[in-house]
Amino acid sequence: MEKLEEAKLVYGMEEAAWALGVSSTQVRNWIRKGALKAFRVGRRVLIRREVLEEFVREMEAGRVTT
């Protein structure tokens, strides 16, 4: 997860997709399935940096289905 900036607290779907190396559609699907937690601010869907880091750990452990 070296792509994540330490100073940044939240990421949009496009930024999260870039950091994870997947498409924004995949990120959206994970959010819809409840595998990746996100929240809304107005029309924007945001994901906390800590949530992304935990998500990667879960994926590495094989606990997230893609």
Protein backbone atom coordinates (compact mmCIF):
# COMPACT_ATOMS: atom_id res chain seq x y z
CA MET A 1 0.00 0.00 0.00
CA GLU A 2 2.90 2.33 -0.65
CA LYS A 3 0.60 4.28 -2.97
CA LEU A 4 -1.42 5.71 -0.07
CA GLU A 5 -0.40 9.13 1.16
CA GLU A 6 0.07 9.28 4.93
CA ALA A 7 -1.34 12.81 5.18
CA LYS A 8 -4.54 11.91 3.37
CA LEU A 9 -7.40 10.74 5.60
CA VAL A 10 -9.98 9.74 2.98
CA TYR A 11 -9.99 8.64 -0.65
CA GLY A 12 -12.56 8.84 -3.40
CA MET A 13 -13.44 5.70 -5.35
CA GLU A 14 -11.06 6.53 -8.21
CA GLU A 15 -8.18 7.16 -5.82
CA ALA A 16 -8.91 3.98 -3.89
CA ALA A 17 -9.06 2.00 -7.14
CA TRP A 18 -5.68 3.41 -8.21
CA ALA A 19 -4.14 2.63 -4.81
CA LEU A 20 -5.49 -0.94 -4.88
CA GLY A 21 -4.61 -1.50 -8.55
CA VAL A 22 -8.19 -2.29 -9.59
CA SER A 23 -10.97 -0.54 -11.48
CA SER A 24 -13.37 1.88 -9.84
CA THR A 25 -16.13 -0.55 -10.82
CA GLN A 26 -14.48 -3.22 -8.66
CA VAL A 27 -14.26 -0.80 -5.73
CA ARG A 28 -17.94 0.07 -6.20
CA ASN A 29 -18.84 -3.64 -6.22
CA TRP A 30 -16.91 -4.27 -2.99
CA ILE A 31 -18.73 -1.34 -1.37
CA ARG A 32 -22.13 -2.64 -2.53
CA LYS A 33 -21.33 -6.14 -1.21
CA GLY A 34 -20.28 -4.67 2.13
CA ALA A 35 -16.70 -5.93 1.80
CA LEU A 36 -15.32 -2.38 1.76
CA LYS A 37 -16.78 0.24 4.08
CA ALA A 38 -17.42 3.69 2.65
CA PHE A 39 -19.45 6.76 3.48
CA ARG A 40 -21.06 9.60 1.57
CA VAL A 41 -20.41 13.31 1.73
CA GLY A 42 -22.92 14.85 -0.61
CA ARG A 43 -22.59 12.92 -3.86
CA ARG A 44 -19.05 11.71 -3.17
CA VAL A 45 -18.35 8.23 -1.87
CA LEU A 46 -15.32 8.28 0.42
CA ILE A 47 -13.20 5.58 2.04
CA ARG A 48 -10.99 6.12 5.07
CA ARG A 49 -7.29 5.34 4.69
CA GLU A 50 -7.42 2.99 7.69
CA VAL A 51 -10.28 1.08 6.08
CA LEU A 52 -8.26 0.63 2.87
CA GLU A 53 -5.24 -0.58 4.82
CA GLU A 54 -7.36 -3.09 6.75
CA PHE A 55 -9.05 -4.20 3.51
CA VAL A 56 -5.65 -5.01 2.00
CA ARG A 57 -4.68 -7.01 5.08
CA GLU A 58 -7.96 -8.94 4.82
CA MET A 59 -7.34 -9.62 1.11
CA GLU A 60 -3.82 -10.85 1.83
CA ALA A 61 -5.22 -13.20 4.47
CA GLY A 62 -7.78 -14.51 1.97
CA ARG A 63 -10.79 -13.27 3.90
CA VAL A 64 -12.15 -11.06 1.10
CA THR A 65 -13.77 -12.55 -1.98
CA THR A 66 -13.25 -10.62 -5.17
